[in-house]
Amino acid sequence: MIYLPKKYYYLYKITNLINNKIYIGVHSTSNLEDGYMGSGTGIRNAISKHGIENFRKDILEYFVSRDDMFAREKNIVTEEFVKDNTTYNNVVGGNKPPIGAFTSRTHSDKTKQKIKEARAKQKITPETKEKMKENHVGMLGKKHTTSTKQKISEANVGKILSDITKKKQSDALKGKKKSIVRCPWCDKEGGLPQMKQWHFDNCKNKEFK
């Protein structure tokens, strides 16, 4: 029998003893003495600045599952909580931070200037543009090898056309007249592709005439 260590799920609060600023987070562990002090950028930078001895961690609640733990964090660490200047939290709780979670915080003029200067340095030089052009031109006229064609073919095998693709193909074929031909051996008429497959030289009546 394999022994699995007990897993603990809990909500905790870390308090800066210097300015009373707090951080709320959750943690799952099999060792309550693992020394975990949060993973958020804000709290980690604060601990680095003030020293871990100036922070106190309190476990607020325990849970029976990760889902319960994250549900509780989601209710506490809301957008309003993140915007509060007395907290170190940068994103909302619940293990699913939304896209643009940092948009509520505005950059200082100094930070904006640094971003602007960094982007200015990323401009493409004429030499780089020329190399990009040469690489692009170099690909023109190139043909796939037999091996590459085979790989492409294998990759497409089994693909199912989506309903949208089928609709487009159906619309494209509407209004087109099919070529109707007659088999000389059995006088059956039909579309050219199907007739070639089952009639003419392949007609089962050919040997009797």
C-alpha atoms as a PDB file:
ATOM      1  CA  MET A   1       0.000   0.000   0.000  1.00  0.00           C
ATOM      2  CA  ILE A   2       1.358   3.425  -1.003  1.00  0.00           C
ATOM      3  CA  TYR A   3       1.191   6.113   1.656  1.00  0.00           C
ATOM      4  CA  LEU A   4       0.260   9.556   0.401  1.00  0.00           C
ATOM      5  CA  PRO A   5       0.964  12.560   2.653  1.00  0.00           C
ATOM      6  CA  LYS A   6      -2.050  14.618   3.718  1.00  0.00           C
ATOM      7  CA  LYS A   7      -2.686  17.655   1.551  1.00  0.00           C
ATOM      8  CA  TYR A   8      -3.590  20.955   3.177  1.00  0.00           C
ATOM      9  CA  TYR A   9      -5.489  23.720   1.379  1.00  0.00           C
ATOM     10  CA  TYR A  10      -5.662  27.089   3.067  1.00  0.00           C
ATOM     11  CA  LEU A  11      -6.208  30.830   2.713  1.00  0.00           C
ATOM     12  CA  TYR A  12      -3.579  33.054   4.321  1.00  0.00           C
ATOM     13  CA  LYS A  13      -2.748  36.690   5.000  1.00  0.00           C
ATOM     14  CA  ILE A  14       0.726  38.228   5.053  1.00  0.00           C
ATOM     15  CA  THR A  15       1.085  41.534   6.887  1.00  0.00           C
ATOM     16  CA  ASN A  16       3.913  44.049   6.572  1.00  0.00           C
ATOM     17  CA  LEU A  17       4.655  44.960  10.205  1.00  0.00           C
ATOM     18  CA  ILE A  18       6.151  48.277   9.111  1.00  0.00           C
ATOM     19  CA  ASN A  19       3.274  49.774   7.106  1.00  0.00           C
ATOM     20  CA  ASN A  20       0.429  47.248   7.765  1.00  0.00           C
ATOM     21  CA  LYS A  21       0.051  46.587   4.033  1.00  0.00           C
ATOM     22  CA  ILE A  22      -1.346  43.084   3.435  1.00  0.00           C
ATOM     23  CA  TYR A  23      -1.360  40.265   0.898  1.00  0.00           C
ATOM     24  CA  ILE A  24      -4.077  37.602   0.666  1.00  0.00           C
ATOM     25  CA  GLY A  25      -3.350  34.305  -1.048  1.00  0.00           C
ATOM     26  CA  VAL A  26      -3.967  30.549  -1.050  1.00  0.00           C
ATOM     27  CA  HIS A  27      -1.601  27.606  -0.838  1.00  0.00           C
ATOM     28  CA  SER A  28      -1.737  23.807  -1.081  1.00  0.00           C
ATOM     29  CA  THR A  29       0.956  21.781   0.644  1.00  0.00           C
ATOM     30  CA  SER A  30       1.691  18.580   2.555  1.00  0.00           C
ATOM     31  CA  ASN A  31       3.995  20.490   4.920  1.00  0.00           C
ATOM     32  CA  LEU A  32       2.565  23.391   6.911  1.00  0.00           C
ATOM     33  CA  GLU A  33       6.099  24.439   7.835  1.00  0.00           C
ATOM     34  CA  ASP A  34       7.356  24.820   4.250  1.00  0.00           C
ATOM     35  CA  GLY A  35       7.997  28.551   4.727  1.00  0.00           C
ATOM     36  CA  TYR A  36       5.822  29.608   1.805  1.00  0.00           C
ATOM     37  CA  MET A  37       5.395  33.408   1.714  1.00  0.00           C
ATOM     38  CA  GLY A  38       3.424  34.025  -1.481  1.00  0.00           C
ATOM     39  CA  SER A  39       4.280  34.095  -5.177  1.00  0.00           C
ATOM     40  CA  GLY A  40       2.893  37.481  -6.200  1.00  0.00           C
ATOM     41  CA  THR A  41       5.350  40.021  -7.592  1.00  0.00           C
ATOM     42  CA  GLY A  42       4.206  42.725  -5.194  1.00  0.00           C
ATOM     43  CA  ILE A  43       4.664  40.727  -1.999  1.00  0.00           C
ATOM     44  CA  ARG A  44       7.968  39.190  -3.115  1.00  0.00           C
ATOM     45  CA  ASN A  45       9.411  42.618  -3.926  1.00  0.00           C
ATOM     46  CA  ALA A  46       8.205  43.951  -0.577  1.00  0.00           C
ATOM     47  CA  ILE A  47       9.820  41.098   1.360  1.00  0.00           C
ATOM     48  CA  SER A  48      13.035  41.623  -0.561  1.00  0.00           C
ATOM     49  CA  LYS A  49      12.956  45.337   0.297  1.00  0.00           C
ATOM     50  CA  HIS A  50      11.966  45.237   3.985  1.00  0.00           C
ATOM     51  CA  GLY A  51      13.292  41.814   5.025  1.00  0.00           C
ATOM     52  CA  ILE A  52      11.227  38.725   5.799  1.00  0.00           C
ATOM     53  CA  GLU A  53      11.558  39.379   9.553  1.00  0.00           C
ATOM     54  CA  ASN A  54       9.204  42.360   9.094  1.00  0.00           C
ATOM     55  CA  PHE A  55       6.346  40.224   7.771  1.00  0.00           C
ATOM     56  CA  ARG A  56       3.862  37.986   9.598  1.00  0.00           C
ATOM     57  CA  LYS A  57       1.867  35.189   7.978  1.00  0.00           C
ATOM     58  CA  ASP A  58      -1.496  34.065   9.392  1.00  0.00           C
ATOM     59  CA  ILE A  59      -3.540  31.119   8.116  1.00  0.00           C
ATOM     60  CA  LEU A  60      -7.159  32.282   7.969  1.00  0.00           C
ATOM     61  CA  GLU A  61      -9.095  29.235   6.715  1.00  0.00           C
ATOM     62  CA  TYR A  62      -8.580  25.587   5.741  1.00  0.00           C
ATOM     63  CA  PHE A  63     -10.460  23.818   2.912  1.00  0.00           C
ATOM     64  CA  VAL A  64     -11.126  20.248   1.813  1.00  0.00           C
ATOM     65  CA  SER A  65     -10.335  20.836  -1.860  1.00  0.00           C
ATOM     66  CA  ARG A  66      -8.515  23.149  -4.292  1.00  0.00           C
ATOM     67  CA  ASP A  67     -11.826  24.216  -5.822  1.00  0.00           C
ATOM     68  CA  ASP A  68     -13.171  25.370  -2.452  1.00  0.00           C
ATOM     69  CA  MET A  69      -9.892  27.145  -1.738  1.00  0.00           C
ATOM     70  CA  PHE A  70      -9.869  29.086  -5.014  1.00  0.00           C
ATOM     71  CA  ALA A  71     -13.588  29.870  -4.753  1.00  0.00           C
ATOM     72  CA  ARG A  72     -12.959  31.531  -1.388  1.00  0.00           C
ATOM     73  CA  GLU A  73      -9.954  33.473  -2.722  1.00  0.00           C
ATOM     74  CA  LYS A  74     -12.060  34.676  -5.643  1.00  0.00           C
ATOM     75  CA  ASN A  75     -14.646  36.114  -3.259  1.00  0.00           C
ATOM     76  CA  ILE A  76     -12.039  38.032  -1.239  1.00  0.00           C
ATOM     77  CA  VAL A  77      -9.396  39.117  -3.758  1.00  0.00           C
ATOM     78  CA  THR A  78     -11.712  41.031  -6.079  1.00  0.00           C
ATOM     79  CA  GLU A  79     -10.895  43.833  -8.523  1.00  0.00           C
ATOM     80  CA  GLU A  80     -11.708  46.358  -5.801  1.00  0.00           C
ATOM     81  CA  PHE A  81      -9.339  44.586  -3.421  1.00  0.00           C
ATOM     82  CA  VAL A  82      -6.536  44.616  -6.032  1.00  0.00           C
ATOM     83  CA  LYS A  83      -7.006  48.344  -6.675  1.00  0.00           C
ATOM     84  CA  ASP A  84      -6.681  49.125  -2.955  1.00  0.00           C
ATOM     85  CA  ASN A  85      -3.285  50.723  -2.254  1.00  0.00           C
ATOM     86  CA  THR A  86      -3.062  48.937   1.105  1.00  0.00           C
ATOM     87  CA  THR A  87      -2.666  45.509  -0.560  1.00  0.00           C
ATOM     88  CA  TYR A  88       0.172  43.810  -2.431  1.00  0.00           C
ATOM     89  CA  ASN A  89      -2.137  41.728  -4.670  1.00  0.00           C
ATOM     90  CA  ASN A  90      -1.743  42.388  -8.397  1.00  0.00           C
ATOM     91  CA  VAL A  91      -4.458  40.131  -9.877  1.00  0.00           C
ATOM     92  CA  VAL A  92      -7.862  38.901  -8.783  1.00  0.00           C
ATOM     93  CA  GLY A  93      -8.141  35.583  -6.976  1.00  0.00           C
ATOM     94  CA  GLY A  94      -9.585  32.289  -8.156  1.00  0.00           C
ATOM     95  CA  ASN A  95      -6.600  30.917 -10.095  1.00  0.00           C
ATOM     96  CA  LYS A  96      -7.908  32.520 -13.301  1.00  0.00           C
ATOM     97  CA  PRO A  97      -6.646  36.090 -13.555  1.00  0.00           C
ATOM     98  CA  PRO A  98      -8.525  37.892 -16.351  1.00  0.00           C
ATOM     99  CA  ILE A  99      -6.830  39.349 -19.401  1.00  0.00           C
ATOM    100  CA  GLY A 100      -5.917  42.944 -18.738  1.00  0.00           C
ATOM    101  CA  ALA A 101      -5.927  42.523 -14.947  1.00  0.00           C
ATOM    102  CA  PHE A 102      -3.248  45.199 -14.690  1.00  0.00           C
ATOM    103  CA  THR A 103      -5.121  47.789 -16.724  1.00  0.00           C
ATOM    104  CA  SER A 104      -6.618  49.286 -13.601  1.00  0.00           C
ATOM    105  CA  ARG A 105      -3.180  50.550 -12.573  1.00  0.00           C
ATOM    106  CA  THR A 106      -1.788  53.569 -14.348  1.00  0.00           C
ATOM    107  CA  HIS A 107       1.892  54.044 -15.150  1.00  0.00           C
ATOM    108  CA  SER A 108       3.796  56.998 -13.765  1.00  0.00           C
ATOM    109  CA  ASP A 109       5.260  59.549 -16.196  1.00  0.00           C
ATOM    110  CA  LYS A 110       8.721  58.121 -15.526  1.00  0.00           C
ATOM    111  CA  THR A 111       7.576  54.577 -16.363  1.00  0.00           C
ATOM    112  CA  LYS A 112       5.794  55.783 -19.509  1.00  0.00           C
ATOM    113  CA  GLN A 113       9.023  57.458 -20.668  1.00  0.00           C
ATOM    114  CA  LYS A 114      11.007  54.261 -20.104  1.00  0.00           C
ATOM    115  CA  ILE A 115       8.475  52.243 -22.108  1.00  0.00           C
ATOM    116  CA  LYS A 116       8.602  54.805 -24.912  1.00  0.00           C
ATOM    117  CA  GLU A 117      12.411  54.713 -25.027  1.00  0.00           C
ATOM    118  CA  ALA A 118      12.452  50.906 -25.019  1.00  0.00           C
ATOM    119  CA  ARG A 119      10.046  50.759 -27.958  1.00  0.00           C
ATOM    120  CA  ALA A 120      12.101  53.334 -29.868  1.00  0.00           C
ATOM    121  CA  LYS A 121      15.135  51.054 -29.620  1.00  0.00           C
ATOM    122  CA  GLN A 122      13.148  48.207 -31.155  1.00  0.00           C
ATOM    123  CA  LYS A 123      12.744  49.932 -34.518  1.00  0.00           C
ATOM    124  CA  ILE A 124      13.812  47.806 -37.482  1.00  0.00           C
ATOM    125  CA  THR A 125      16.986  49.091 -39.122  1.00  0.00           C
ATOM    126  CA  PRO A 126      17.312  49.347 -42.949  1.00  0.00           C
ATOM    127  CA  GLU A 127      19.816  46.461 -42.843  1.00  0.00           C
ATOM    128  CA  THR A 128      17.335  44.237 -41.022  1.00  0.00           C
ATOM    129  CA  LYS A 129      14.572  45.150 -43.478  1.00  0.00           C
ATOM    130  CA  GLU A 130      16.857  44.209 -46.385  1.00  0.00           C
ATOM    131  CA  LYS A 131      17.662  40.831 -44.839  1.00  0.00           C
ATOM    132  CA  MET A 132      13.963  40.156 -44.259  1.00  0.00           C
ATOM    133  CA  LYS A 133      13.275  41.023 -47.889  1.00  0.00           C
ATOM    134  CA  GLU A 134      16.045  38.726 -49.121  1.00  0.00           C
ATOM    135  CA  ASN A 135      14.779  35.845 -47.004  1.00  0.00           C
ATOM    136  CA  HIS A 136      11.263  36.346 -48.314  1.00  0.00           C
ATOM    137  CA  VAL A 137      12.401  36.494 -51.964  1.00  0.00           C
ATOM    138  CA  GLY A 138      14.539  33.425 -51.420  1.00  0.00           C
ATOM    139  CA  MET A 139      11.428  31.365 -50.692  1.00  0.00           C
ATOM    140  CA  LEU A 140       9.687  32.321 -53.936  1.00  0.00           C
ATOM    141  CA  GLY A 141       9.623  29.579 -56.546  1.00  0.00           C
ATOM    142  CA  LYS A 142      10.681  26.853 -54.103  1.00  0.00           C
ATOM    143  CA  LYS A 143       8.855  23.537 -54.461  1.00  0.00           C
ATOM    144  CA  HIS A 144       8.114  20.961 -51.812  1.00  0.00           C
ATOM    145  CA  THR A 145      10.135  17.744 -51.946  1.00  0.00           C
ATOM    146  CA  THR A 146       8.353  14.426 -52.395  1.00  0.00           C
ATOM    147  CA  SER A 147       8.933  13.690 -48.725  1.00  0.00           C
ATOM    148  CA  THR A 148       7.401  17.016 -47.673  1.00  0.00           C
ATOM    149  CA  LYS A 149       4.411  16.490 -49.961  1.00  0.00           C
ATOM    150  CA  GLN A 150       3.863  13.054 -48.424  1.00  0.00           C
ATOM    151  CA  LYS A 151       3.949  14.504 -44.904  1.00  0.00           C
ATOM    152  CA  ILE A 152       1.443  17.200 -45.881  1.00  0.00           C
ATOM    153  CA  SER A 153      -0.806  14.563 -47.400  1.00  0.00           C
ATOM    154  CA  GLU A 154      -0.619  12.361 -44.290  1.00  0.00           C
ATOM    155  CA  ALA A 155      -1.340  15.338 -42.060  1.00  0.00           C
ATOM    156  CA  ASN A 156      -4.550  16.056 -43.979  1.00  0.00           C
ATOM    157  CA  VAL A 157      -5.794  12.465 -43.942  1.00  0.00           C
ATOM    158  CA  GLY A 158      -8.773  12.059 -41.675  1.00  0.00           C
ATOM    159  CA  LYS A 159      -9.536  15.750 -41.408  1.00  0.00           C
ATOM    160  CA  ILE A 160     -13.274  16.390 -41.303  1.00  0.00           C
ATOM    161  CA  LEU A 161     -14.671  19.377 -43.154  1.00  0.00           C
ATOM    162  CA  SER A 162     -16.400  21.849 -40.898  1.00  0.00           C
ATOM    163  CA  ASP A 163     -20.038  22.749 -41.546  1.00  0.00           C
ATOM    164  CA  ILE A 164     -18.935  26.206 -42.712  1.00  0.00           C
ATOM    165  CA  THR A 165     -16.460  24.740 -45.215  1.00  0.00           C
ATOM    166  CA  LYS A 166     -19.071  22.303 -46.512  1.00  0.00           C
ATOM    167  CA  LYS A 167     -21.531  25.175 -46.956  1.00  0.00           C
ATOM    168  CA  LYS A 168     -18.972  27.193 -48.924  1.00  0.00           C
ATOM    169  CA  GLN A 169     -18.190  24.234 -51.179  1.00  0.00           C
ATOM    170  CA  SER A 170     -21.876  23.575 -51.725  1.00  0.00           C
ATOM    171  CA  ASP A 171     -22.515  27.218 -52.633  1.00  0.00           C
ATOM    172  CA  ALA A 172     -19.563  27.191 -55.014  1.00  0.00           C
ATOM    173  CA  LEU A 173     -20.962  24.185 -56.883  1.00  0.00           C
ATOM    174  CA  LYS A 174     -24.477  25.567 -57.200  1.00  0.00           C
ATOM    175  CA  GLY A 175     -25.377  26.556 -60.711  1.00  0.00           C
ATOM    176  CA  LYS A 176     -22.634  24.481 -62.345  1.00  0.00           C
ATOM    177  CA  LYS A 177     -23.878  22.045 -64.998  1.00  0.00           C
ATOM    178  CA  LYS A 178     -22.669  18.477 -64.774  1.00  0.00           C
ATOM    179  CA  SER A 179     -21.399  16.746 -67.887  1.00  0.00           C
ATOM    180  CA  ILE A 180     -23.827  13.916 -68.699  1.00  0.00           C
ATOM    181  CA  VAL A 181     -22.483  11.010 -70.746  1.00  0.00           C
ATOM    182  CA  ARG A 182     -23.862   7.666 -71.946  1.00  0.00           C
ATOM    183  CA  CYS A 183     -22.106   4.323 -71.708  1.00  0.00           C
ATOM    184  CA  PRO A 184     -21.906   2.639 -75.145  1.00  0.00           C
ATOM    185  CA  TRP A 185     -22.133  -0.824 -73.579  1.00  0.00           C
ATOM    186  CA  CYS A 186     -25.204  -0.493 -71.349  1.00  0.00           C
ATOM    187  CA  ASP A 187     -26.740   2.849 -72.447  1.00  0.00           C
ATOM    188  CA  LYS A 188     -26.718   4.123 -68.852  1.00  0.00           C
ATOM    189  CA  GLU A 189     -26.385   7.916 -68.433  1.00  0.00           C
ATOM    190  CA  GLY A 190     -24.764   9.828 -65.606  1.00  0.00           C
ATOM    191  CA  GLY A 191     -22.129  12.271 -64.458  1.00  0.00           C
ATOM    192  CA  LEU A 192     -18.749  11.960 -66.129  1.00  0.00           C
ATOM    193  CA  PRO A 193     -16.622  11.113 -63.032  1.00  0.00           C
ATOM    194  CA  GLN A 194     -18.945   8.322 -61.854  1.00  0.00           C
ATOM    195  CA  MET A 195     -19.493   6.953 -65.350  1.00  0.00           C
ATOM    196  CA  LYS A 196     -15.749   6.713 -65.992  1.00  0.00           C
ATOM    197  CA  GLN A 197     -15.348   4.737 -62.795  1.00  0.00           C
ATOM    198  CA  TRP A 198     -18.074   2.128 -63.414  1.00  0.00           C
ATOM    199  CA  HIS A 199     -18.792   2.209 -67.163  1.00  0.00           C
ATOM    200  CA  PHE A 200     -17.111   2.585 -70.557  1.00  0.00           C
ATOM    201  CA  ASP A 201     -14.007   0.337 -70.384  1.00  0.00           C
ATOM    202  CA  ASN A 202     -15.036  -0.786 -66.887  1.00  0.00           C
ATOM    203  CA  CYS A 203     -18.651  -1.592 -67.778  1.00  0.00           C
ATOM    204  CA  LYS A 204     -19.686  -5.116 -66.742  1.00  0.00           C
ATOM    205  CA  ASN A 205     -21.728  -5.447 -69.952  1.00  0.00           C
ATOM    206  CA  LYS A 206     -18.752  -4.817 -72.202  1.00  0.00           C
ATOM    207  CA  GLU A 207     -17.811  -8.499 -72.533  1.00  0.00           C
ATOM    208  CA  PHE A 208     -21.272  -9.418 -73.784  1.00  0.00           C
ATOM    209  CA  LYS A 209     -21.243  -7.116 -76.838  1.00  0.00           C
END
